Amino acid sequence: KFFNNDAHIIAVQPSWRDRAEMLGYLNEFTKKFNETDFLKAIYETTYREDINIVVLDEMNLARVEYYFAELLSLLEMPDPAKWLVDVTTDTIEGDPHHLIEGKILLPQNVWFVGTANKDDSTFIITDKVYDRATPIEINTKSSFIDAPKTNGVHMSSEYLSKLFKEAQKENAIRQETLDKLEKLDSFITTNFKVTFGNRIMKQIKTFVPVYIGCGGSEYEALDYMVARKIFRKFEGLNLPFLQTEINELEKLLSRLFGKNEFIECQAYLKEIKM
């Protein structure tokens, strides 16, 4: 609403087992393509330059890494010119204008947001998905907010990208902070046998400067990322046998970043202590 471009809400179905359920498929009997709301939403973005948001509602009612696998891979490619989504193998006269040789180029102005609940009716979201996303966890009930009516804005994807690049240039993570993160990583690797690769490091280096540009602090941003991208991996460990290591990790966080910093990480460690 704020960007004057309503989000496309796509309800994920439990029957989604592969990309065809999400993107559609060619019916061999009728020779007609069964298009989906998701495909329509993606195609519409190719005609726009402003920010477009596609919401996959209840995305873990089906296995995300099955139906969304192709897009997860595409979004990792460094060259956006190769973000080609296969729609159909056949090309005929009268195909949509932006369907080139059966493919649609996924534009830079589309953002994917997924909602997910954790209960008996849903699937576990795997590391493959978590590592490529930035989770926002809502575990508490917030107080009521009666926000004033605000005029929206029209923002191009190009302008937003420019803001991100300016933030990364002006608010780059300090080398001192990167050195502390390396010490934290070394401790976690040695004692918990958990590590993170270049993908998460790249996300940290792009996320932290933007967070600072929005008015936050460097440590707050790093705390957010470490808690959600690294400490979350502890869920698969045998935690009752790692209580000594957890206590040492708490002390290390205070020693490296300060006693009153890394609040989310400290809260998570207190939660997993027996």
C-alpha atoms as a PDB file:
ATOM      1  CA  LYS A   1       0.000   0.000   0.000  1.00  0.00           C
ATOM      2  CA  PHE A   2       2.791   2.421   0.921  1.00  0.00           C
ATOM      3  CA  PHE A   3       4.500   1.917  -2.448  1.00  0.00           C
ATOM      4  CA  ASN A   4       1.153   2.425  -4.247  1.00  0.00           C
ATOM      5  CA  ASN A   5       1.367  -1.073  -5.685  1.00  0.00           C
ATOM      6  CA  ASP A   6      -0.606  -3.766  -3.879  1.00  0.00           C
ATOM      7  CA  ALA A   7       1.252  -6.985  -3.144  1.00  0.00           C
ATOM      8  CA  HIS A   8       0.224 -10.151  -4.953  1.00  0.00           C
ATOM      9  CA  ILE A   9      -0.953 -12.671  -2.345  1.00  0.00           C
ATOM     10  CA  ILE A  10      -0.375 -16.257  -3.499  1.00  0.00           C
ATOM     11  CA  ALA A  11      -1.884 -18.976  -1.294  1.00  0.00           C
ATOM     12  CA  VAL A  12       0.464 -21.979  -1.269  1.00  0.00           C
ATOM     13  CA  GLN A  13      -1.373 -25.302  -1.531  1.00  0.00           C
ATOM     14  CA  PRO A  14      -0.357 -28.543   0.237  1.00  0.00           C
ATOM     15  CA  SER A  15      -0.447 -30.290  -3.154  1.00  0.00           C
ATOM     16  CA  TRP A  16       2.487 -28.258  -4.504  1.00  0.00           C
ATOM     17  CA  ARG A  17       5.240 -30.814  -5.141  1.00  0.00           C
ATOM     18  CA  ASP A  18       7.161 -29.228  -8.005  1.00  0.00           C
ATOM     19  CA  ARG A  19       7.582 -26.024 -10.009  1.00  0.00           C
ATOM     20  CA  ALA A  20       4.625 -26.811 -12.304  1.00  0.00           C
ATOM     21  CA  GLU A  21       2.191 -26.283  -9.423  1.00  0.00           C
ATOM     22  CA  MET A  22       3.544 -22.766  -8.902  1.00  0.00           C
ATOM     23  CA  LEU A  23       4.408 -21.678 -12.462  1.00  0.00           C
ATOM     24  CA  GLY A  24       1.791 -23.560 -14.453  1.00  0.00           C
ATOM     25  CA  TYR A  25       2.111 -26.149 -17.236  1.00  0.00           C
ATOM     26  CA  LEU A  26       1.114 -26.956 -20.794  1.00  0.00           C
ATOM     27  CA  ASN A  27      -1.881 -29.286 -20.948  1.00  0.00           C
ATOM     28  CA  GLU A  28      -0.956 -31.887 -23.574  1.00  0.00           C
ATOM     29  CA  PHE A  29      -4.600 -32.769 -24.239  1.00  0.00           C
ATOM     30  CA  THR A  30      -6.040 -29.280 -24.738  1.00  0.00           C
ATOM     31  CA  LYS A  31      -2.740 -27.759 -25.959  1.00  0.00           C
ATOM     32  CA  LYS A  32      -3.448 -24.823 -23.674  1.00  0.00           C
ATOM     33  CA  PHE A  33      -1.135 -23.470 -20.992  1.00  0.00           C
ATOM     34  CA  ASN A  34      -2.592 -23.582 -17.490  1.00  0.00           C
ATOM     35  CA  GLU A  35      -1.285 -20.347 -16.007  1.00  0.00           C
ATOM     36  CA  THR A  36      -1.194 -19.622 -12.290  1.00  0.00           C
ATOM     37  CA  ASP A  37      -1.665 -16.488 -10.197  1.00  0.00           C
ATOM     38  CA  PHE A  38       2.035 -16.639  -9.364  1.00  0.00           C
ATOM     39  CA  LEU A  39       3.049 -16.643 -13.044  1.00  0.00           C
ATOM     40  CA  LYS A  40       0.641 -13.762 -13.759  1.00  0.00           C
ATOM     41  CA  ALA A  41       2.182 -11.769 -10.903  1.00  0.00           C
ATOM     42  CA  ILE A  42       5.716 -12.368 -12.201  1.00  0.00           C
ATOM     43  CA  TYR A  43       4.755 -11.482 -15.750  1.00  0.00           C
ATOM     44  CA  GLU A  44       3.114  -8.240 -14.637  1.00  0.00           C
ATOM     45  CA  THR A  45       6.340  -7.092 -12.972  1.00  0.00           C
ATOM     46  CA  THR A  46       8.117  -7.201 -16.355  1.00  0.00           C
ATOM     47  CA  TYR A  47       6.000  -4.219 -17.430  1.00  0.00           C
ATOM     48  CA  ARG A  48       6.790  -2.125 -14.352  1.00  0.00           C
ATOM     49  CA  GLU A  49       9.832  -0.341 -12.963  1.00  0.00           C
ATOM     50  CA  ASP A  50       8.612   0.182  -9.408  1.00  0.00           C
ATOM     51  CA  ILE A  51       8.842  -2.230  -6.476  1.00  0.00           C
ATOM     52  CA  ASN A  52       6.638  -5.324  -6.742  1.00  0.00           C
ATOM     53  CA  ILE A  53       6.042  -7.660  -3.796  1.00  0.00           C
ATOM     54  CA  VAL A  54       4.850 -11.252  -4.175  1.00  0.00           C
ATOM     55  CA  VAL A  55       3.703 -12.881  -0.932  1.00  0.00           C
ATOM     56  CA  LEU A  56       3.694 -16.677  -0.689  1.00  0.00           C
ATOM     57  CA  ASP A  57       1.193 -17.203   2.107  1.00  0.00           C
ATOM     58  CA  GLU A  58       1.682 -20.267   4.354  1.00  0.00           C
ATOM     59  CA  MET A  59       4.615 -21.271   2.184  1.00  0.00           C
ATOM     60  CA  ASN A  60       5.549 -24.306   4.287  1.00  0.00           C
ATOM     61  CA  LEU A  61       2.196 -26.057   3.796  1.00  0.00           C
ATOM     62  CA  ALA A  62       4.223 -27.720   1.017  1.00  0.00           C
ATOM     63  CA  ARG A  63       7.984 -28.325   0.838  1.00  0.00           C
ATOM     64  CA  VAL A  64       9.528 -24.994  -0.136  1.00  0.00           C
ATOM     65  CA  GLU A  65      12.706 -26.592  -1.477  1.00  0.00           C
ATOM     66  CA  TYR A  66      10.587 -28.611  -3.944  1.00  0.00           C
ATOM     67  CA  TYR A  67       8.317 -26.071  -5.632  1.00  0.00           C
ATOM     68  CA  PHE A  68      10.579 -23.021  -5.157  1.00  0.00           C
ATOM     69  CA  ALA A  69      13.909 -24.728  -5.921  1.00  0.00           C
ATOM     70  CA  GLU A  70      14.375 -23.177  -9.358  1.00  0.00           C
ATOM     71  CA  LEU A  71      13.870 -19.636  -8.125  1.00  0.00           C
ATOM     72  CA  LEU A  72      16.146 -20.224  -5.128  1.00  0.00           C
ATOM     73  CA  SER A  73      18.904 -21.150  -7.573  1.00  0.00           C
ATOM     74  CA  LEU A  74      18.180 -18.257  -9.945  1.00  0.00           C
ATOM     75  CA  LEU A  75      18.320 -15.650  -7.189  1.00  0.00           C
ATOM     76  CA  GLU A  76      21.832 -16.850  -6.311  1.00  0.00           C
ATOM     77  CA  MET A  77      23.217 -16.127  -9.761  1.00  0.00           C
ATOM     78  CA  PRO A  78      25.447 -13.007  -9.777  1.00  0.00           C
ATOM     79  CA  ASP A  79      24.377 -12.023 -13.301  1.00  0.00           C
ATOM     80  CA  PRO A  80      20.697 -10.883 -13.330  1.00  0.00           C
ATOM     81  CA  ALA A  81      20.657 -11.332 -17.112  1.00  0.00           C
ATOM     82  CA  LYS A  82      20.632 -15.085 -16.453  1.00  0.00           C
ATOM     83  CA  TRP A  83      17.588 -15.004 -14.174  1.00  0.00           C
ATOM     84  CA  LEU A  84      15.521 -16.815 -16.795  1.00  0.00           C
ATOM     85  CA  VAL A  85      12.473 -18.750 -15.608  1.00  0.00           C
ATOM     86  CA  ASP A  86      11.534 -21.682 -17.842  1.00  0.00           C
ATOM     87  CA  VAL A  87       7.817 -21.545 -18.558  1.00  0.00           C
ATOM     88  CA  THR A  88       7.338 -23.789 -21.588  1.00  0.00           C
ATOM     89  CA  THR A  89       9.455 -25.669 -24.116  1.00  0.00           C
ATOM     90  CA  ASP A  90       7.202 -24.712 -27.044  1.00  0.00           C
ATOM     91  CA  THR A  91       7.022 -21.330 -28.734  1.00  0.00           C
ATOM     92  CA  ILE A  92       4.123 -20.418 -30.981  1.00  0.00           C
ATOM     93  CA  GLU A  93       2.883 -17.346 -32.770  1.00  0.00           C
ATOM     94  CA  GLY A  94       0.979 -15.099 -30.418  1.00  0.00           C
ATOM     95  CA  ASP A  95       3.099 -15.897 -27.317  1.00  0.00           C
ATOM     96  CA  PRO A  96       3.129 -13.083 -24.714  1.00  0.00           C
ATOM     97  CA  HIS A  97       5.529 -10.290 -25.660  1.00  0.00           C
ATOM     98  CA  HIS A  98       7.917 -10.824 -22.721  1.00  0.00           C
ATOM     99  CA  LEU A  99       7.996 -14.608 -23.114  1.00  0.00           C
ATOM    100  CA  ILE A 100      11.253 -15.156 -25.014  1.00  0.00           C
ATOM    101  CA  GLU A 101      11.892 -18.699 -26.284  1.00  0.00           C
ATOM    102  CA  GLY A 102       9.619 -20.045 -23.574  1.00  0.00           C
ATOM    103  CA  LYS A 103      11.390 -18.124 -20.782  1.00  0.00           C
ATOM    104  CA  ILE A 104      10.638 -15.044 -18.699  1.00  0.00           C
ATOM    105  CA  LEU A 105      13.491 -12.889 -17.409  1.00  0.00           C
ATOM    106  CA  LEU A 106      12.861 -12.412 -13.688  1.00  0.00           C
ATOM    107  CA  PRO A 107      13.157  -8.637 -13.196  1.00  0.00           C
ATOM    108  CA  GLN A 108      15.117  -6.914 -10.421  1.00  0.00           C
ATOM    109  CA  ASN A 109      12.054  -5.094  -9.117  1.00  0.00           C
ATOM    110  CA  VAL A 110      10.307  -8.141  -7.644  1.00  0.00           C
ATOM    111  CA  TRP A 111      10.637  -9.103  -3.967  1.00  0.00           C
ATOM    112  CA  PHE A 112       9.467 -12.444  -2.566  1.00  0.00           C
ATOM    113  CA  VAL A 113       8.040 -12.579   0.940  1.00  0.00           C
ATOM    114  CA  GLY A 114       6.909 -15.819   2.549  1.00  0.00           C
ATOM    115  CA  THR A 115       4.780 -16.369   5.632  1.00  0.00           C
ATOM    116  CA  ALA A 116       5.151 -19.586   7.630  1.00  0.00           C
ATOM    117  CA  ASN A 117       3.800 -21.111  10.823  1.00  0.00           C
ATOM    118  CA  LYS A 118       5.333 -23.912  12.842  1.00  0.00           C
ATOM    119  CA  ASP A 119       2.744 -26.548  13.707  1.00  0.00           C
ATOM    120  CA  ASP A 120       1.767 -30.143  12.941  1.00  0.00           C
ATOM    121  CA  SER A 121       0.238 -29.220   9.580  1.00  0.00           C
ATOM    122  CA  THR A 122       3.420 -27.698   8.137  1.00  0.00           C
ATOM    123  CA  PHE A 123       6.804 -28.897   6.887  1.00  0.00           C
ATOM    124  CA  ILE A 124      10.147 -27.948   8.389  1.00  0.00           C
ATOM    125  CA  ILE A 125      11.903 -25.204   6.438  1.00  0.00           C
ATOM    126  CA  THR A 126      15.357 -26.525   5.622  1.00  0.00           C
ATOM    127  CA  ASP A 127      18.758 -24.856   5.832  1.00  0.00           C
ATOM    128  CA  LYS A 128      18.810 -24.484   2.055  1.00  0.00           C
ATOM    129  CA  VAL A 129      15.881 -22.064   2.300  1.00  0.00           C
ATOM    130  CA  TYR A 130      16.892 -20.325   5.534  1.00  0.00           C
ATOM    131  CA  ASP A 131      20.396 -19.640   4.223  1.00  0.00           C
ATOM    132  CA  ARG A 132      18.941 -17.768   1.253  1.00  0.00           C
ATOM    133  CA  ALA A 133      16.403 -15.710   3.185  1.00  0.00           C
ATOM    134  CA  THR A 134      16.289 -13.271   6.079  1.00  0.00           C
ATOM    135  CA  PRO A 135      13.747 -14.528   8.642  1.00  0.00           C
ATOM    136  CA  ILE A 136      11.617 -12.194  10.739  1.00  0.00           C
ATOM    137  CA  GLU A 137      10.310 -14.125  13.750  1.00  0.00           C
ATOM    138  CA  ILE A 138       7.112 -12.972  15.438  1.00  0.00           C
ATOM    139  CA  ASN A 139       6.817 -14.859  18.711  1.00  0.00           C
ATOM    140  CA  THR A 140       5.178 -12.251  20.939  1.00  0.00           C
ATOM    141  CA  LYS A 141       1.974 -10.237  20.815  1.00  0.00           C
ATOM    142  CA  SER A 142       2.667  -6.570  20.163  1.00  0.00           C
ATOM    143  CA  SER A 143       0.699  -3.649  21.555  1.00  0.00           C
ATOM    144  CA  PHE A 144      -1.956  -2.014  19.393  1.00  0.00           C
ATOM    145  CA  ILE A 145      -0.656   0.721  17.074  1.00  0.00           C
ATOM    146  CA  ASP A 146      -3.082   3.316  15.710  1.00  0.00           C
ATOM    147  CA  ALA A 147      -0.840   4.624  12.946  1.00  0.00           C
ATOM    148  CA  PRO A 148      -1.772   7.913  11.268  1.00  0.00           C
ATOM    149  CA  LYS A 149      -2.728   7.858   7.619  1.00  0.00           C
ATOM    150  CA  THR A 150       0.387   8.424   5.528  1.00  0.00           C
ATOM    151  CA  ASN A 151       0.739   9.314   1.891  1.00  0.00           C
ATOM    152  CA  GLY A 152       2.467   6.567  -0.038  1.00  0.00           C
ATOM    153  CA  VAL A 153       5.394   6.958  -2.398  1.00  0.00           C
ATOM    154  CA  HIS A 154       6.221   5.748  -5.864  1.00  0.00           C
ATOM    155  CA  MET A 155       9.715   4.272  -5.749  1.00  0.00           C
ATOM    156  CA  SER A 156      11.548   2.714  -8.641  1.00  0.00           C
ATOM    157  CA  SER A 157      13.597  -0.405  -8.096  1.00  0.00           C
ATOM    158  CA  GLU A 158      16.604   1.416  -9.561  1.00  0.00           C
ATOM    159  CA  TYR A 159      16.350   4.186  -6.956  1.00  0.00           C
ATOM    160  CA  LEU A 160      16.051   1.695  -4.083  1.00  0.00           C
ATOM    161  CA  SER A 161      19.109  -0.165  -5.395  1.00  0.00           C
ATOM    162  CA  LYS A 162      20.986   3.149  -5.475  1.00  0.00           C
ATOM    163  CA  LEU A 163      20.099   3.758  -1.811  1.00  0.00           C
ATOM    164  CA  PHE A 164      21.400   0.295  -0.900  1.00  0.00           C
ATOM    165  CA  LYS A 165      24.691   0.891  -2.707  1.00  0.00           C
ATOM    166  CA  GLU A 166      25.153   4.279  -1.037  1.00  0.00           C
ATOM    167  CA  ALA A 167      24.550   2.711   2.381  1.00  0.00           C
ATOM    168  CA  GLN A 168      27.081  -0.049   1.690  1.00  0.00           C
ATOM    169  CA  LYS A 169      29.651   2.553   0.696  1.00  0.00           C
ATOM    170  CA  GLU A 170      29.038   4.939   3.594  1.00  0.00           C
ATOM    171  CA  ASN A 171      28.401   2.406   6.387  1.00  0.00           C
ATOM    172  CA  ALA A 172      30.707  -0.512   5.571  1.00  0.00           C
ATOM    173  CA  ILE A 173      31.367  -2.853   8.491  1.00  0.00           C
ATOM    174  CA  ARG A 174      34.495  -1.833  10.399  1.00  0.00           C
ATOM    175  CA  GLN A 175      37.484  -4.141  10.142  1.00  0.00           C
ATOM    176  CA  GLU A 176      37.543  -4.337  13.946  1.00  0.00           C
ATOM    177  CA  THR A 177      34.010  -5.774  13.902  1.00  0.00           C
ATOM    178  CA  LEU A 178      34.891  -8.259  11.147  1.00  0.00           C
ATOM    179  CA  ASP A 179      37.867  -9.447  13.228  1.00  0.00           C
ATOM    180  CA  LYS A 180      35.571 -10.025  16.211  1.00  0.00           C
ATOM    181  CA  LEU A 181      33.119 -11.904  14.006  1.00  0.00           C
ATOM    182  CA  GLU A 182      35.972 -14.102  12.808  1.00  0.00           C
ATOM    183  CA  LYS A 183      36.886 -14.952  16.434  1.00  0.00           C
ATOM    184  CA  LEU A 184      33.240 -15.785  17.143  1.00  0.00           C
ATOM    185  CA  ASP A 185      33.100 -17.980  14.039  1.00  0.00           C
ATOM    186  CA  SER A 186      36.295 -19.785  15.062  1.00  0.00           C
ATOM    187  CA  PHE A 187      34.886 -20.551  18.540  1.00  0.00           C
ATOM    188  CA  ILE A 188      31.572 -21.830  17.147  1.00  0.00           C
ATOM    189  CA  THR A 189      33.318 -23.966  14.522  1.00  0.00           C
ATOM    190  CA  THR A 190      35.637 -25.533  17.104  1.00  0.00           C
ATOM    191  CA  ASN A 191      33.097 -26.158  19.864  1.00  0.00           C
ATOM    192  CA  PHE A 192      29.782 -26.652  18.024  1.00  0.00           C
ATOM    193  CA  LYS A 193      31.030 -27.919  14.642  1.00  0.00           C
ATOM    194  CA  VAL A 194      28.771 -25.312  13.014  1.00  0.00           C
ATOM    195  CA  THR A 195      30.091 -22.908  10.424  1.00  0.00           C
ATOM    196  CA  PHE A 196      28.777 -20.544   7.778  1.00  0.00           C
ATOM    197  CA  GLY A 197      29.980 -19.942   4.259  1.00  0.00           C
ATOM    198  CA  ASN A 198      30.511 -17.063   1.857  1.00  0.00           C
ATOM    199  CA  ARG A 199      26.778 -16.724   1.160  1.00  0.00           C
ATOM    200  CA  ILE A 200      25.929 -15.697   4.724  1.00  0.00           C
ATOM    201  CA  MET A 201      29.052 -13.531   4.980  1.00  0.00           C
ATOM    202  CA  LYS A 202      27.982 -11.682   1.847  1.00  0.00           C
ATOM    203  CA  GLN A 203      24.497 -11.194   3.290  1.00  0.00           C
ATOM    204  CA  ILE A 204      25.970  -9.784   6.497  1.00  0.00           C
ATOM    205  CA  LYS A 205      28.172  -7.320   4.585  1.00  0.00           C
ATOM    206  CA  THR A 206      25.197  -6.037   2.573  1.00  0.00           C
ATOM    207  CA  PHE A 207      22.587  -6.106   5.367  1.00  0.00           C
ATOM    208  CA  VAL A 208      24.536  -4.374   8.152  1.00  0.00           C
ATOM    209  CA  PRO A 209      25.306  -1.122   6.243  1.00  0.00           C
ATOM    210  CA  VAL A 210      21.656  -0.790   5.151  1.00  0.00           C
ATOM    211  CA  TYR A 211      20.488  -1.386   8.737  1.00  0.00           C
ATOM    212  CA  ILE A 212      22.826   1.395   9.901  1.00  0.00           C
ATOM    213  CA  GLY A 213      21.530   3.638   7.116  1.00  0.00           C
ATOM    214  CA  CYS A 214      18.000   3.105   8.469  1.00  0.00           C
ATOM    215  CA  GLY A 215      19.053   4.406  11.901  1.00  0.00           C
ATOM    216  CA  GLY A 216      20.263   1.255  13.664  1.00  0.00           C
ATOM    217  CA  SER A 217      23.714   0.393  14.997  1.00  0.00           C
ATOM    218  CA  GLU A 218      26.360  -1.951  13.631  1.00  0.00           C
ATOM    219  CA  TYR A 219      26.169  -4.327  16.596  1.00  0.00           C
ATOM    220  CA  GLU A 220      22.350  -4.429  16.504  1.00  0.00           C
ATOM    221  CA  ALA A 221      22.436  -5.460  12.848  1.00  0.00           C
ATOM    222  CA  LEU A 222      25.126  -8.072  13.430  1.00  0.00           C
ATOM    223  CA  ASP A 223      23.237  -9.420  16.440  1.00  0.00           C
ATOM    224  CA  TYR A 224      20.133  -9.808  14.250  1.00  0.00           C
ATOM    225  CA  MET A 225      22.011 -11.734  11.563  1.00  0.00           C
ATOM    226  CA  VAL A 226      24.073 -13.944  13.866  1.00  0.00           C
ATOM    227  CA  ALA A 227      20.990 -14.947  15.893  1.00  0.00           C
ATOM    228  CA  ARG A 228      18.936 -15.840  12.818  1.00  0.00           C
ATOM    229  CA  LYS A 229      21.518 -17.122  10.354  1.00  0.00           C
ATOM    230  CA  ILE A 230      24.131 -18.819  12.558  1.00  0.00           C
ATOM    231  CA  PHE A 231      22.733 -19.602  16.008  1.00  0.00           C
ATOM    232  CA  ARG A 232      19.574 -21.009  14.372  1.00  0.00           C
ATOM    233  CA  LYS A 233      21.753 -23.879  13.141  1.00  0.00           C
ATOM    234  CA  PHE A 234      22.146 -25.003  16.778  1.00  0.00           C
ATOM    235  CA  GLU A 235      18.629 -26.474  16.620  1.00  0.00           C
ATOM    236  CA  GLY A 236      20.006 -29.653  15.064  1.00  0.00           C
ATOM    237  CA  LEU A 237      22.618 -30.216  17.811  1.00  0.00           C
ATOM    238  CA  ASN A 238      22.462 -32.353  20.951  1.00  0.00           C
ATOM    239  CA  LEU A 239      22.217 -29.320  23.227  1.00  0.00           C
ATOM    240  CA  PRO A 240      22.076 -31.117  26.629  1.00  0.00           C
ATOM    241  CA  PHE A 241      25.684 -32.210  26.055  1.00  0.00           C
ATOM    242  CA  LEU A 242      26.845 -28.708  25.070  1.00  0.00           C
ATOM    243  CA  GLN A 243      25.914 -26.712  28.173  1.00  0.00           C
ATOM    244  CA  THR A 244      29.531 -25.866  29.046  1.00  0.00           C
ATOM    245  CA  GLU A 245      30.151 -24.633  25.513  1.00  0.00           C
ATOM    246  CA  ILE A 246      26.964 -22.521  25.595  1.00  0.00           C
ATOM    247  CA  ASN A 247      28.104 -20.849  28.840  1.00  0.00           C
ATOM    248  CA  GLU A 248      31.508 -20.124  27.298  1.00  0.00           C
ATOM    249  CA  LEU A 249      29.834 -18.696  24.192  1.00  0.00           C
ATOM    250  CA  GLU A 250      27.802 -16.302  26.364  1.00  0.00           C
ATOM    251  CA  LYS A 251      31.000 -15.060  27.996  1.00  0.00           C
ATOM    252  CA  LEU A 252      32.736 -14.697  24.625  1.00  0.00           C
ATOM    253  CA  LEU A 253      29.899 -12.542  23.243  1.00  0.00           C
ATOM    254  CA  SER A 254      30.174 -10.209  26.243  1.00  0.00           C
ATOM    255  CA  ARG A 255      33.939 -10.081  25.970  1.00  0.00           C
ATOM    256  CA  LEU A 256      33.959  -9.336  22.236  1.00  0.00           C
ATOM    257  CA  PHE A 257      31.001  -6.986  21.860  1.00  0.00           C
ATOM    258  CA  GLY A 258      30.168  -5.713  25.360  1.00  0.00           C
ATOM    259  CA  LYS A 259      27.933  -6.806  28.202  1.00  0.00           C
ATOM    260  CA  ASN A 260      24.813  -4.972  26.987  1.00  0.00           C
ATOM    261  CA  GLU A 261      25.189  -5.829  23.314  1.00  0.00           C
ATOM    262  CA  PHE A 262      24.000  -8.804  21.213  1.00  0.00           C
ATOM    263  CA  ILE A 263      20.718  -8.958  23.117  1.00  0.00           C
ATOM    264  CA  GLU A 264      19.007 -11.357  20.693  1.00  0.00           C
ATOM    265  CA  CYS A 265      21.946 -13.782  20.665  1.00  0.00           C
ATOM    266  CA  GLN A 266      22.166 -13.755  24.473  1.00  0.00           C
ATOM    267  CA  ALA A 267      18.398 -14.308  24.766  1.00  0.00           C
ATOM    268  CA  TYR A 268      18.607 -17.289  22.404  1.00  0.00           C
ATOM    269  CA  LEU A 269      21.479 -18.854  24.384  1.00  0.00           C
ATOM    270  CA  LYS A 270      19.529 -18.448  27.635  1.00  0.00           C
ATOM    271  CA  GLU A 271      16.570 -20.153  25.980  1.00  0.00           C
ATOM    272  CA  ILE A 272      18.566 -23.249  24.980  1.00  0.00           C
ATOM    273  CA  LYS A 273      20.287 -23.616  28.334  1.00  0.00           C
ATOM    274  CA  MET A 274      18.906 -26.475  30.386  1.00  0.00           C
END
